[in-house]
Amino acid sequence: MNFNTKDLVRISIFAALTAVSAFFSIPIGPVPITMQTLVVVLSGMILGSKAGAMSQLVYLLLGLSGLPVFAGFRGGFDSIFRPSFGFLIGFIPAAFFSGKILEDSALTKRTSFTSALVGIITPYVIGIPYMYMVLNFHMGKVINVIEILKIGLIPFIIGDLIKLFIAITVAYKVIPIVKGIRSGGDIS
C-alpha cells in the first residue's frame, strides 16, 4: 500500500475532519450522536477504500495515543473500555467498504446509495456486539440484546438516514472533481 504526498494530505484531512466532527456531539447514553459517520462514509467514497480506511486508522490511533479527538473530548488507551469504542473500530471497515463499492462500479446514484448505506451500517455490525460485551462483561451490567439495540441503534436511525442522503449528495458532486484532480484532468 503506497500513498503519495497528495494521498497523505487527503488522509490527514479526513482524519482531522473525523476528529472535528466528534466535537459536535449530543450525549444520549453510552453512544453520543455525532456527525462522524457522515465523515467516515465520505472518506471512503471520496478517497477510495485504502486511503479512506487509512484516514480512520490515523484518527483512531490519534485518539488512543491520548489526543482528545473522541466524542466528549476524550482520548487515551482506556477508551477501549468505553461502550462506544466498537463503533470507532467500525469506522475503518466502514470507510474501506464504502470506497471499495465505488472503486468496483461506475458512479451512479444507485452505487452511491449502496456505498453510503454499507458505510453507515458497518459501524453497527462491530459496535453493537462490542457495546454488549463491554456493558455486560467489563462493566458488570446485565443488559440484553434488545436493550442494547434500544440504546445503540434505534435512536440513531433517523439521523443516519439524513447522513446517508447528505453523503450521497456530497459524494456525487465531489467525486468527479477529485477523480479529475487524481488523473491530472482539468477541473475548470
N, C-alpha and C. Protein backbone atom coordinates (compact mmCIF):
# COMPACT_ATOMS: atom_id res chain seq x y z
N MET A 1 0.85 -1.16 0.00
CA MET A 1 0.00 0.00 0.00
C MET A 1 0.90 1.23 0.00
N ASN A 2 1.02 1.85 -1.15
CA ASN A 2 1.85 3.05 -1.27
C ASN A 2 0.96 4.27 -1.44
N PHE A 3 1.22 5.30 -0.66
CA PHE A 3 0.49 6.55 -0.77
C PHE A 3 1.46 7.64 -1.17
N ASN A 4 1.02 8.48 -2.12
CA ASN A 4 1.86 9.62 -2.50
C ASN A 4 1.54 10.80 -1.57
N THR A 5 2.21 11.91 -1.79
CA THR A 5 2.05 13.07 -0.91
C THR A 5 0.61 13.58 -0.91
N LYS A 6 -0.02 13.64 -2.08
CA LYS A 6 -1.42 14.09 -2.15
C LYS A 6 -2.33 13.17 -1.35
N ASP A 7 -2.09 11.86 -1.47
CA ASP A 7 -2.88 10.90 -0.70
C ASP A 7 -2.72 11.14 0.80
N LEU A 8 -1.49 11.34 1.24
CA LEU A 8 -1.23 11.56 2.67
C LEU A 8 -1.91 12.82 3.18
N VAL A 9 -1.92 13.86 2.35
CA VAL A 9 -2.61 15.10 2.73
C VAL A 9 -4.11 14.84 2.86
N ARG A 10 -4.68 14.14 1.89
CA ARG A 10 -6.12 13.84 1.93
C ARG A 10 -6.47 12.95 3.12
N ILE A 11 -5.62 11.96 3.38
CA ILE A 11 -5.82 11.08 4.54
C ILE A 11 -5.81 11.92 5.82
N SER A 12 -4.86 12.81 5.94
CA SER A 12 -4.75 13.68 7.12
C SER A 12 -5.97 14.58 7.26
N ILE A 13 -6.43 15.11 6.14
CA ILE A 13 -7.61 16.00 6.18
C ILE A 13 -8.83 15.23 6.69
N PHE A 14 -9.04 14.01 6.18
CA PHE A 14 -10.21 13.26 6.63
C PHE A 14 -10.06 12.76 8.07
N ALA A 15 -8.84 12.46 8.50
CA ALA A 15 -8.63 12.12 9.92
C ALA A 15 -9.00 13.33 10.79
N ALA A 16 -8.58 14.51 10.36
CA ALA A 16 -8.89 15.74 11.10
C ALA A 16 -10.39 16.04 11.07
N LEU A 17 -11.03 15.85 9.92
CA LEU A 17 -12.48 16.07 9.82
C LEU A 17 -13.25 15.11 10.73
N THR A 18 -12.77 13.87 10.82
CA THR A 18 -13.42 12.91 11.71
C THR A 18 -13.29 13.38 13.16
N ALA A 19 -12.12 13.88 13.52
CA ALA A 19 -11.90 14.39 14.88
C ALA A 19 -12.80 15.60 15.15
N VAL A 20 -12.83 16.54 14.23
CA VAL A 20 -13.65 17.74 14.42
C VAL A 20 -15.13 17.38 14.51
N SER A 21 -15.57 16.43 13.69
CA SER A 21 -16.99 16.05 13.71
C SER A 21 -17.38 15.36 15.02
N ALA A 22 -16.41 14.84 15.77
CA ALA A 22 -16.71 14.24 17.08
C ALA A 22 -17.07 15.29 18.11
N PHE A 23 -16.59 16.51 17.92
CA PHE A 23 -16.82 17.56 18.90
C PHE A 23 -18.24 18.11 18.84
N PHE A 24 -18.93 17.86 17.75
CA PHE A 24 -20.32 18.25 17.65
C PHE A 24 -21.16 17.04 18.02
N SER A 25 -21.31 16.81 19.33
CA SER A 25 -21.99 15.61 19.77
C SER A 25 -23.13 15.93 20.72
N ILE A 26 -24.10 15.03 20.69
CA ILE A 26 -25.23 15.10 21.60
C ILE A 26 -25.18 13.82 22.43
N PRO A 27 -24.84 13.91 23.72
CA PRO A 27 -24.74 12.70 24.53
C PRO A 27 -26.13 12.17 24.88
N ILE A 28 -26.43 10.96 24.42
CA ILE A 28 -27.73 10.34 24.72
C ILE A 28 -27.51 8.91 25.21
N GLY A 29 -26.77 8.73 26.24
CA GLY A 29 -26.49 7.39 26.73
C GLY A 29 -25.07 7.01 26.38
N PRO A 30 -24.82 5.70 26.26
CA PRO A 30 -23.45 5.26 26.03
C PRO A 30 -22.86 5.66 24.68
N VAL A 31 -23.71 5.97 23.71
CA VAL A 31 -23.22 6.33 22.38
C VAL A 31 -23.77 7.71 22.02
N PRO A 32 -22.91 8.72 21.88
CA PRO A 32 -23.39 10.06 21.52
C PRO A 32 -23.72 10.16 20.04
N ILE A 33 -24.60 11.08 19.71
CA ILE A 33 -24.89 11.37 18.30
C ILE A 33 -23.83 12.35 17.82
N THR A 34 -23.13 12.01 16.74
CA THR A 34 -22.13 12.90 16.15
C THR A 34 -22.30 12.91 14.64
N MET A 35 -21.52 13.74 13.98
CA MET A 35 -21.51 13.77 12.51
C MET A 35 -20.41 12.87 11.95
N GLN A 36 -19.78 12.10 12.82
CA GLN A 36 -18.64 11.29 12.40
C GLN A 36 -18.99 10.28 11.31
N THR A 37 -20.14 9.64 11.43
CA THR A 37 -20.49 8.63 10.43
C THR A 37 -20.52 9.23 9.04
N LEU A 38 -21.02 10.44 8.92
CA LEU A 38 -21.04 11.12 7.63
C LEU A 38 -19.62 11.29 7.09
N VAL A 39 -18.71 11.75 7.92
CA VAL A 39 -17.32 11.97 7.50
C VAL A 39 -16.65 10.64 7.16
N VAL A 40 -16.92 9.62 7.95
CA VAL A 40 -16.33 8.29 7.70
C VAL A 40 -16.76 7.77 6.34
N VAL A 41 -18.06 7.84 6.07
CA VAL A 41 -18.58 7.36 4.78
C VAL A 41 -17.99 8.17 3.64
N LEU A 42 -17.94 9.47 3.80
CA LEU A 42 -17.36 10.32 2.74
C LEU A 42 -15.88 10.04 2.55
N SER A 43 -15.17 9.69 3.61
CA SER A 43 -13.74 9.39 3.46
C SER A 43 -13.54 8.21 2.52
N GLY A 44 -14.35 7.19 2.67
CA GLY A 44 -14.25 6.04 1.77
C GLY A 44 -14.72 6.36 0.37
N MET A 45 -15.85 7.05 0.27
CA MET A 45 -16.41 7.36 -1.05
C MET A 45 -15.49 8.27 -1.85
N ILE A 46 -14.89 9.25 -1.21
CA ILE A 46 -14.08 10.25 -1.91
C ILE A 46 -12.63 9.80 -2.07
N LEU A 47 -12.04 9.26 -1.01
CA LEU A 47 -10.62 8.88 -1.07
C LEU A 47 -10.39 7.50 -1.66
N GLY A 48 -11.39 6.64 -1.61
CA GLY A 48 -11.22 5.26 -2.02
C GLY A 48 -11.05 4.37 -0.80
N SER A 49 -11.07 3.08 -1.03
CA SER A 49 -11.09 2.12 0.08
C SER A 49 -9.85 2.20 0.97
N LYS A 50 -8.68 2.15 0.38
CA LYS A 50 -7.45 2.09 1.19
C LYS A 50 -7.16 3.41 1.89
N ALA A 51 -7.23 4.51 1.17
CA ALA A 51 -6.94 5.81 1.78
C ALA A 51 -8.03 6.19 2.78
N GLY A 52 -9.29 5.86 2.47
CA GLY A 52 -10.37 6.13 3.41
C GLY A 52 -10.19 5.37 4.71
N ALA A 53 -9.88 4.07 4.60
CA ALA A 53 -9.64 3.26 5.79
C ALA A 53 -8.43 3.77 6.56
N MET A 54 -7.40 4.18 5.83
CA MET A 54 -6.19 4.69 6.49
C MET A 54 -6.50 5.98 7.26
N SER A 55 -7.36 6.83 6.70
CA SER A 55 -7.71 8.07 7.42
C SER A 55 -8.38 7.75 8.74
N GLN A 56 -9.19 6.71 8.77
CA GLN A 56 -9.88 6.34 10.00
C GLN A 56 -8.94 5.63 10.98
N LEU A 57 -7.98 4.88 10.46
CA LEU A 57 -6.97 4.28 11.32
C LEU A 57 -6.12 5.37 11.99
N VAL A 58 -5.75 6.38 11.22
CA VAL A 58 -4.98 7.51 11.77
C VAL A 58 -5.79 8.18 12.88
N TYR A 59 -7.07 8.43 12.62
CA TYR A 59 -7.94 9.04 13.63
C TYR A 59 -7.96 8.20 14.91
N LEU A 60 -8.16 6.90 14.75
CA LEU A 60 -8.24 6.00 15.90
C LEU A 60 -6.93 5.99 16.69
N LEU A 61 -5.81 5.95 15.98
CA LEU A 61 -4.51 5.93 16.65
C LEU A 61 -4.22 7.26 17.36
N LEU A 62 -4.66 8.37 16.77
CA LEU A 62 -4.50 9.66 17.44
C LEU A 62 -5.24 9.67 18.78
N GLY A 63 -6.46 9.16 18.76
CA GLY A 63 -7.24 9.10 19.99
C GLY A 63 -6.66 8.16 21.02
N LEU A 64 -6.23 6.99 20.57
CA LEU A 64 -5.65 6.02 21.50
C LEU A 64 -4.33 6.51 22.09
N SER A 65 -3.64 7.37 21.34
CA SER A 65 -2.36 7.90 21.84
C SER A 65 -2.57 8.97 22.93
N GLY A 66 -3.80 9.38 23.12
CA GLY A 66 -4.08 10.33 24.19
C GLY A 66 -4.64 11.66 23.74
N LEU A 67 -4.61 11.94 22.45
CA LEU A 67 -5.20 13.20 21.97
C LEU A 67 -6.71 13.14 22.16
N PRO A 68 -7.33 14.19 22.65
CA PRO A 68 -8.76 14.17 22.93
C PRO A 68 -9.61 14.38 21.67
N VAL A 69 -9.56 13.41 20.76
CA VAL A 69 -10.26 13.54 19.49
C VAL A 69 -11.55 12.72 19.44
N PHE A 70 -11.82 11.93 20.48
CA PHE A 70 -13.06 11.16 20.51
C PHE A 70 -14.18 12.04 21.06
N ALA A 71 -15.42 11.63 20.84
CA ALA A 71 -16.58 12.40 21.32
C ALA A 71 -16.44 12.68 22.81
N GLY A 72 -16.87 13.85 23.21
CA GLY A 72 -16.75 14.27 24.60
C GLY A 72 -15.33 14.70 24.96
N PHE A 73 -14.53 15.04 23.96
CA PHE A 73 -13.13 15.46 24.15
C PHE A 73 -12.34 14.40 24.93
N ARG A 74 -12.56 13.15 24.56
CA ARG A 74 -11.86 12.05 25.22
C ARG A 74 -10.76 11.52 24.33
N GLY A 75 -9.83 10.85 24.94
CA GLY A 75 -8.75 10.16 24.24
C GLY A 75 -8.03 9.29 25.23
N GLY A 76 -7.10 8.50 24.75
CA GLY A 76 -6.32 7.63 25.62
C GLY A 76 -6.66 6.17 25.42
N PHE A 77 -5.74 5.32 25.82
CA PHE A 77 -5.90 3.89 25.60
C PHE A 77 -7.09 3.32 26.37
N ASP A 78 -7.43 3.92 27.50
CA ASP A 78 -8.56 3.42 28.28
C ASP A 78 -9.90 3.59 27.55
N SER A 79 -9.89 4.28 26.42
CA SER A 79 -11.10 4.43 25.61
C SER A 79 -11.62 3.08 25.12
N ILE A 80 -10.72 2.10 25.03
CA ILE A 80 -11.17 0.78 24.55
C ILE A 80 -12.17 0.14 25.50
N PHE A 81 -12.27 0.64 26.73
CA PHE A 81 -13.20 0.10 27.70
C PHE A 81 -14.53 0.86 27.73
N ARG A 82 -14.71 1.79 26.82
CA ARG A 82 -15.96 2.54 26.73
C ARG A 82 -16.93 1.77 25.84
N PRO A 83 -18.21 1.77 26.16
CA PRO A 83 -19.18 1.02 25.35
C PRO A 83 -19.23 1.45 23.88
N SER A 84 -18.89 2.70 23.60
CA SER A 84 -18.98 3.20 22.22
C SER A 84 -17.74 2.93 21.38
N PHE A 85 -16.68 2.37 21.96
CA PHE A 85 -15.43 2.22 21.22
C PHE A 85 -15.55 1.28 20.02
N GLY A 86 -16.41 0.29 20.09
CA GLY A 86 -16.60 -0.62 18.96
C GLY A 86 -17.06 0.10 17.71
N PHE A 87 -17.84 1.16 17.89
CA PHE A 87 -18.28 1.95 16.73
C PHE A 87 -17.09 2.63 16.08
N LEU A 88 -16.14 3.10 16.90
CA LEU A 88 -14.94 3.73 16.36
C LEU A 88 -14.09 2.72 15.59
N ILE A 89 -13.98 1.51 16.11
CA ILE A 89 -13.28 0.45 15.38
C ILE A 89 -13.97 0.23 14.03
N GLY A 90 -15.29 0.26 14.04
CA GLY A 90 -16.07 0.05 12.82
C GLY A 90 -15.88 1.11 11.76
N PHE A 91 -15.33 2.27 12.14
CA PHE A 91 -15.07 3.32 11.15
C PHE A 91 -14.09 2.85 10.07
N ILE A 92 -13.12 2.04 10.45
CA ILE A 92 -12.09 1.61 9.49
C ILE A 92 -12.70 0.75 8.38
N PRO A 93 -13.39 -0.36 8.71
CA PRO A 93 -14.01 -1.12 7.62
C PRO A 93 -15.14 -0.36 6.93
N ALA A 94 -15.82 0.53 7.64
CA ALA A 94 -16.89 1.32 7.01
C ALA A 94 -16.33 2.16 5.87
N ALA A 95 -15.23 2.84 6.12
CA ALA A 95 -14.59 3.65 5.07
C ALA A 95 -14.09 2.75 3.95
N PHE A 96 -13.50 1.61 4.32
CA PHE A 96 -12.98 0.69 3.30
C PHE A 96 -14.10 0.19 2.38
N PHE A 97 -15.17 -0.32 2.97
CA PHE A 97 -16.26 -0.88 2.15
C PHE A 97 -16.97 0.19 1.33
N SER A 98 -17.16 1.37 1.91
CA SER A 98 -17.77 2.47 1.14
C SER A 98 -16.93 2.78 -0.09
N GLY A 99 -15.63 2.85 0.10
CA GLY A 99 -14.73 3.13 -1.02
C GLY A 99 -14.66 2.01 -2.02
N LYS A 100 -14.63 0.78 -1.53
CA LYS A 100 -14.49 -0.39 -2.41
C LYS A 100 -15.68 -0.50 -3.36
N ILE A 101 -16.85 -0.24 -2.86
CA ILE A 101 -18.05 -0.33 -3.70
C ILE A 101 -17.95 0.64 -4.87
N LEU A 102 -17.49 1.85 -4.63
CA LEU A 102 -17.38 2.83 -5.71
C LEU A 102 -16.17 2.59 -6.60
N GLU A 103 -15.14 1.94 -6.08
CA GLU A 103 -13.98 1.61 -6.91
C GLU A 103 -14.32 0.53 -7.93
N ASP A 104 -15.20 -0.38 -7.52
CA ASP A 104 -15.54 -1.52 -8.37
C ASP A 104 -16.73 -1.27 -9.27
N SER A 105 -17.32 -0.09 -9.22
CA SER A 105 -18.52 0.22 -10.00
C SER A 105 -18.47 1.64 -10.53
N ALA A 106 -19.27 1.89 -11.53
CA ALA A 106 -19.40 3.26 -12.05
C ALA A 106 -20.15 4.10 -11.02
N LEU A 107 -19.88 5.40 -11.01
CA LEU A 107 -20.54 6.31 -10.08
C LEU A 107 -21.96 6.59 -10.58
N THR A 108 -22.92 5.99 -9.91
CA THR A 108 -24.33 6.24 -10.20
C THR A 108 -25.02 6.54 -8.87
N LYS A 109 -26.25 6.97 -8.95
CA LYS A 109 -26.99 7.20 -7.70
C LYS A 109 -27.18 5.89 -6.94
N ARG A 110 -27.35 4.81 -7.67
CA ARG A 110 -27.54 3.51 -7.03
C ARG A 110 -26.26 3.05 -6.31
N THR A 111 -25.11 3.16 -6.97
CA THR A 111 -23.87 2.74 -6.31
C THR A 111 -23.51 3.69 -5.17
N SER A 112 -23.82 4.97 -5.33
CA SER A 112 -23.59 5.92 -4.24
C SER A 112 -24.45 5.57 -3.03
N PHE A 113 -25.71 5.23 -3.29
CA PHE A 113 -26.61 4.83 -2.21
C PHE A 113 -26.10 3.58 -1.50
N THR A 114 -25.72 2.58 -2.29
CA THR A 114 -25.21 1.32 -1.72
C THR A 114 -23.95 1.57 -0.90
N SER A 115 -23.05 2.37 -1.44
CA SER A 115 -21.80 2.69 -0.76
C SER A 115 -22.07 3.38 0.58
N ALA A 116 -22.93 4.38 0.57
CA ALA A 116 -23.24 5.12 1.80
C ALA A 116 -23.98 4.23 2.80
N LEU A 117 -24.90 3.41 2.32
CA LEU A 117 -25.65 2.53 3.22
C LEU A 117 -24.74 1.52 3.90
N VAL A 118 -23.86 0.90 3.13
CA VAL A 118 -22.91 -0.06 3.72
C VAL A 118 -22.00 0.64 4.72
N GLY A 119 -21.56 1.85 4.39
CA GLY A 119 -20.70 2.60 5.29
C GLY A 119 -21.39 2.99 6.59
N ILE A 120 -22.68 3.23 6.53
CA ILE A 120 -23.41 3.61 7.74
C ILE A 120 -23.75 2.38 8.59
N ILE A 121 -24.01 1.26 7.95
CA ILE A 121 -24.36 0.04 8.69
C ILE A 121 -23.14 -0.60 9.35
N THR A 122 -21.99 -0.56 8.69
CA THR A 122 -20.80 -1.28 9.17
C THR A 122 -20.40 -0.97 10.62
N PRO A 123 -20.37 0.28 11.06
CA PRO A 123 -20.00 0.51 12.47
C PRO A 123 -20.95 -0.18 13.46
N TYR A 124 -22.22 -0.34 13.08
CA TYR A 124 -23.16 -1.03 13.96
C TYR A 124 -22.84 -2.52 14.08
N VAL A 125 -22.38 -3.10 12.98
CA VAL A 125 -22.05 -4.53 12.97
C VAL A 125 -20.95 -4.84 13.99
N ILE A 126 -20.04 -3.91 14.16
CA ILE A 126 -18.97 -4.08 15.14
C ILE A 126 -19.35 -3.45 16.48
N GLY A 127 -19.98 -2.29 16.44
CA GLY A 127 -20.27 -1.52 17.64
C GLY A 127 -21.29 -2.13 18.57
N ILE A 128 -22.35 -2.72 18.03
CA ILE A 128 -23.41 -3.30 18.87
C ILE A 128 -22.87 -4.49 19.69
N PRO A 129 -22.22 -5.48 19.06
CA PRO A 129 -21.67 -6.58 19.88
C PRO A 129 -20.60 -6.10 20.87
N TYR A 130 -19.79 -5.13 20.46
CA TYR A 130 -18.75 -4.59 21.34
C TYR A 130 -19.40 -3.94 22.56
N MET A 131 -20.44 -3.15 22.32
CA MET A 131 -21.15 -2.49 23.42
C MET A 131 -21.73 -3.53 24.38
N TYR A 132 -22.32 -4.56 23.81
CA TYR A 132 -22.89 -5.63 24.64
C TYR A 132 -21.82 -6.24 25.54
N MET A 133 -20.67 -6.55 24.95
CA MET A 133 -19.59 -7.18 25.72
C MET A 133 -19.04 -6.25 26.79
N VAL A 134 -18.82 -4.98 26.46
CA VAL A 134 -18.28 -4.04 27.45
C VAL A 134 -19.26 -3.84 28.60
N LEU A 135 -20.53 -3.61 28.26
CA LEU A 135 -21.51 -3.36 29.32
C LEU A 135 -21.73 -4.58 30.20
N ASN A 136 -21.82 -5.75 29.59
CA ASN A 136 -22.13 -6.96 30.35
C ASN A 136 -20.91 -7.59 31.03
N PHE A 137 -19.79 -7.61 30.35
CA PHE A 137 -18.64 -8.34 30.90
C PHE A 137 -17.61 -7.44 31.58
N HIS A 138 -17.41 -6.24 31.06
CA HIS A 138 -16.43 -5.34 31.68
C HIS A 138 -17.06 -4.49 32.79
N MET A 139 -18.23 -3.93 32.51
CA MET A 139 -18.87 -3.04 33.48
C MET A 139 -19.79 -3.79 34.44
N GLY A 140 -20.03 -5.06 34.17
CA GLY A 140 -20.83 -5.87 35.09
C GLY A 140 -22.31 -5.60 35.08
N LYS A 141 -22.81 -4.95 34.04
CA LYS A 141 -24.25 -4.71 33.95
C LYS A 141 -24.90 -5.92 33.28
N VAL A 142 -26.18 -6.08 33.50
CA VAL A 142 -26.91 -7.16 32.85
C VAL A 142 -27.89 -6.50 31.88
N ILE A 143 -27.49 -6.46 30.62
CA ILE A 143 -28.30 -5.81 29.59
C ILE A 143 -28.46 -6.78 28.43
N ASN A 144 -29.72 -7.05 28.06
CA ASN A 144 -29.95 -7.99 26.96
C ASN A 144 -29.80 -7.31 25.60
N VAL A 145 -29.85 -8.09 24.56
CA VAL A 145 -29.63 -7.58 23.20
C VAL A 145 -30.69 -6.55 22.82
N ILE A 146 -31.92 -6.76 23.21
CA ILE A 146 -32.99 -5.81 22.88
C ILE A 146 -32.68 -4.44 23.49
N GLU A 147 -32.24 -4.43 24.74
CA GLU A 147 -31.89 -3.16 25.39
C GLU A 147 -30.69 -2.50 24.71
N ILE A 148 -29.72 -3.31 24.28
CA ILE A 148 -28.56 -2.77 23.56
C ILE A 148 -29.03 -2.10 22.27
N LEU A 149 -29.95 -2.73 21.56
CA LEU A 149 -30.47 -2.13 20.32
C LEU A 149 -31.23 -0.84 20.62
N LYS A 150 -31.92 -0.79 21.75
CA LYS A 150 -32.65 0.42 22.13
C LYS A 150 -31.73 1.59 22.43
N ILE A 151 -30.52 1.32 22.94
CA ILE A 151 -29.61 2.41 23.26
C ILE A 151 -28.52 2.62 22.21
N GLY A 152 -28.23 1.58 21.41
CA GLY A 152 -27.10 1.67 20.49
C GLY A 152 -27.47 1.71 19.01
N LEU A 153 -28.76 1.56 18.69
CA LEU A 153 -29.16 1.56 17.28
C LEU A 153 -30.38 2.44 17.02
N ILE A 154 -31.46 2.15 17.68
CA ILE A 154 -32.74 2.80 17.37
C ILE A 154 -32.70 4.32 17.43
N PRO A 155 -32.06 4.94 18.44
CA PRO A 155 -32.05 6.41 18.47
C PRO A 155 -31.31 7.07 17.30
N PHE A 156 -30.55 6.28 16.56
CA PHE A 156 -29.69 6.84 15.52
C PHE A 156 -30.23 6.66 14.10
N ILE A 157 -31.31 5.92 13.94
CA ILE A 157 -31.79 5.55 12.60
C ILE A 157 -32.14 6.78 11.77
N ILE A 158 -32.94 7.68 12.30
CA ILE A 158 -33.37 8.86 11.52
C ILE A 158 -32.17 9.73 11.16
N GLY A 159 -31.31 10.00 12.12
CA GLY A 159 -30.11 10.79 11.84
C GLY A 159 -29.21 10.14 10.80
N ASP A 160 -29.09 8.82 10.88
CA ASP A 160 -28.26 8.12 9.90
C ASP A 160 -28.87 8.15 8.51
N LEU A 161 -30.18 8.12 8.41
CA LEU A 161 -30.81 8.26 7.10
C LEU A 161 -30.54 9.64 6.50
N ILE A 162 -30.58 10.66 7.34
CA ILE A 162 -30.25 12.01 6.88
C ILE A 162 -28.80 12.06 6.42
N LYS A 163 -27.89 11.49 7.22
CA LYS A 163 -26.46 11.46 6.85
C LYS A 163 -26.25 10.70 5.55
N LEU A 164 -27.02 9.62 5.36
CA LEU A 164 -26.91 8.83 4.13
C LEU A 164 -27.18 9.70 2.91
N PHE A 165 -28.25 10.46 2.94
CA PHE A 165 -28.59 11.29 1.78
C PHE A 165 -27.64 12.47 1.61
N ILE A 166 -27.12 13.00 2.71
CA ILE A 166 -26.10 14.05 2.60
C ILE A 166 -24.84 13.47 1.95
N ALA A 167 -24.44 12.28 2.39
CA ALA A 167 -23.24 11.64 1.82
C ALA A 167 -23.40 11.39 0.33
N ILE A 168 -24.55 10.91 -0.07
CA ILE A 168 -24.79 10.65 -1.50
C ILE A 168 -24.69 11.95 -2.29
N THR A 169 -25.33 12.99 -1.80
CA THR A 169 -25.32 14.28 -2.49
C THR A 169 -23.92 14.86 -2.60
N VAL A 170 -23.19 14.87 -1.49
CA VAL A 170 -21.83 15.42 -1.49
C VAL A 170 -20.92 14.59 -2.38
N ALA A 171 -20.95 13.28 -2.20
CA ALA A 171 -20.05 12.41 -2.98
C ALA A 171 -20.34 12.50 -4.47
N TYR A 172 -21.60 12.56 -4.82
CA TYR A 172 -21.97 12.62 -6.23
C TYR A 172 -21.43 13.89 -6.90
N LYS A 173 -21.29 14.95 -6.12
CA LYS A 173 -20.74 16.21 -6.65
C LYS A 173 -19.22 16.25 -6.58
N VAL A 174 -18.64 15.72 -5.49
CA VAL A 174 -17.20 15.87 -5.23
C VAL A 174 -16.35 14.82 -5.95
N ILE A 175 -16.82 13.59 -6.03
CA ILE A 175 -16.00 12.52 -6.62
C ILE A 175 -15.52 12.84 -8.03
N PRO A 176 -16.36 13.34 -8.93
CA PRO A 176 -15.84 13.67 -10.27
C PRO A 176 -14.73 14.73 -10.22
N ILE A 177 -14.82 15.66 -9.30
CA ILE A 177 -13.78 16.69 -9.17
C ILE A 177 -12.48 16.06 -8.68
N VAL A 178 -12.58 15.23 -7.64
CA VAL A 178 -11.39 14.58 -7.08
C VAL A 178 -10.76 13.64 -8.10
N LYS A 179 -11.59 12.90 -8.83
CA LYS A 179 -11.04 12.00 -9.85
C LYS A 179 -10.36 12.79 -10.95
N GLY A 180 -10.89 13.96 -11.27
CA GLY A 180 -10.24 14.82 -12.26
C GLY A 180 -8.89 15.28 -11.78
N ILE A 181 -8.79 15.59 -10.50
CA ILE A 181 -7.51 16.00 -9.92
C ILE A 181 -6.56 14.82 -9.87
N ARG A 182 -7.07 13.64 -9.46
CA ARG A 182 -6.23 12.45 -9.36
C ARG A 182 -5.62 12.07 -10.70
N SER A 183 -6.44 12.20 -11.76
CA SER A 183 -5.95 11.79 -13.07
C SER A 183 -5.22 12.91 -13.79
N GLY A 184 -5.11 14.05 -13.14
CA GLY A 184 -4.43 15.19 -13.75
C GLY A 184 -5.32 15.95 -14.71
N GLY A 185 -6.63 15.64 -14.67
CA GLY A 185 -7.56 16.30 -15.57
C GLY A 185 -7.83 17.73 -15.17
N ASP A 186 -8.38 18.48 -16.09
CA ASP A 186 -8.72 19.88 -15.85
C ASP A 186 -10.05 19.93 -15.11
N ILE A 187 -10.10 20.64 -14.00
CA ILE A 187 -11.33 20.72 -13.22
C ILE A 187 -12.07 22.03 -13.43
N SER A 188 -11.62 22.85 -14.36
CA SER A 188 -12.28 24.14 -14.56
C SER A 188 -13.57 24.02 -15.33
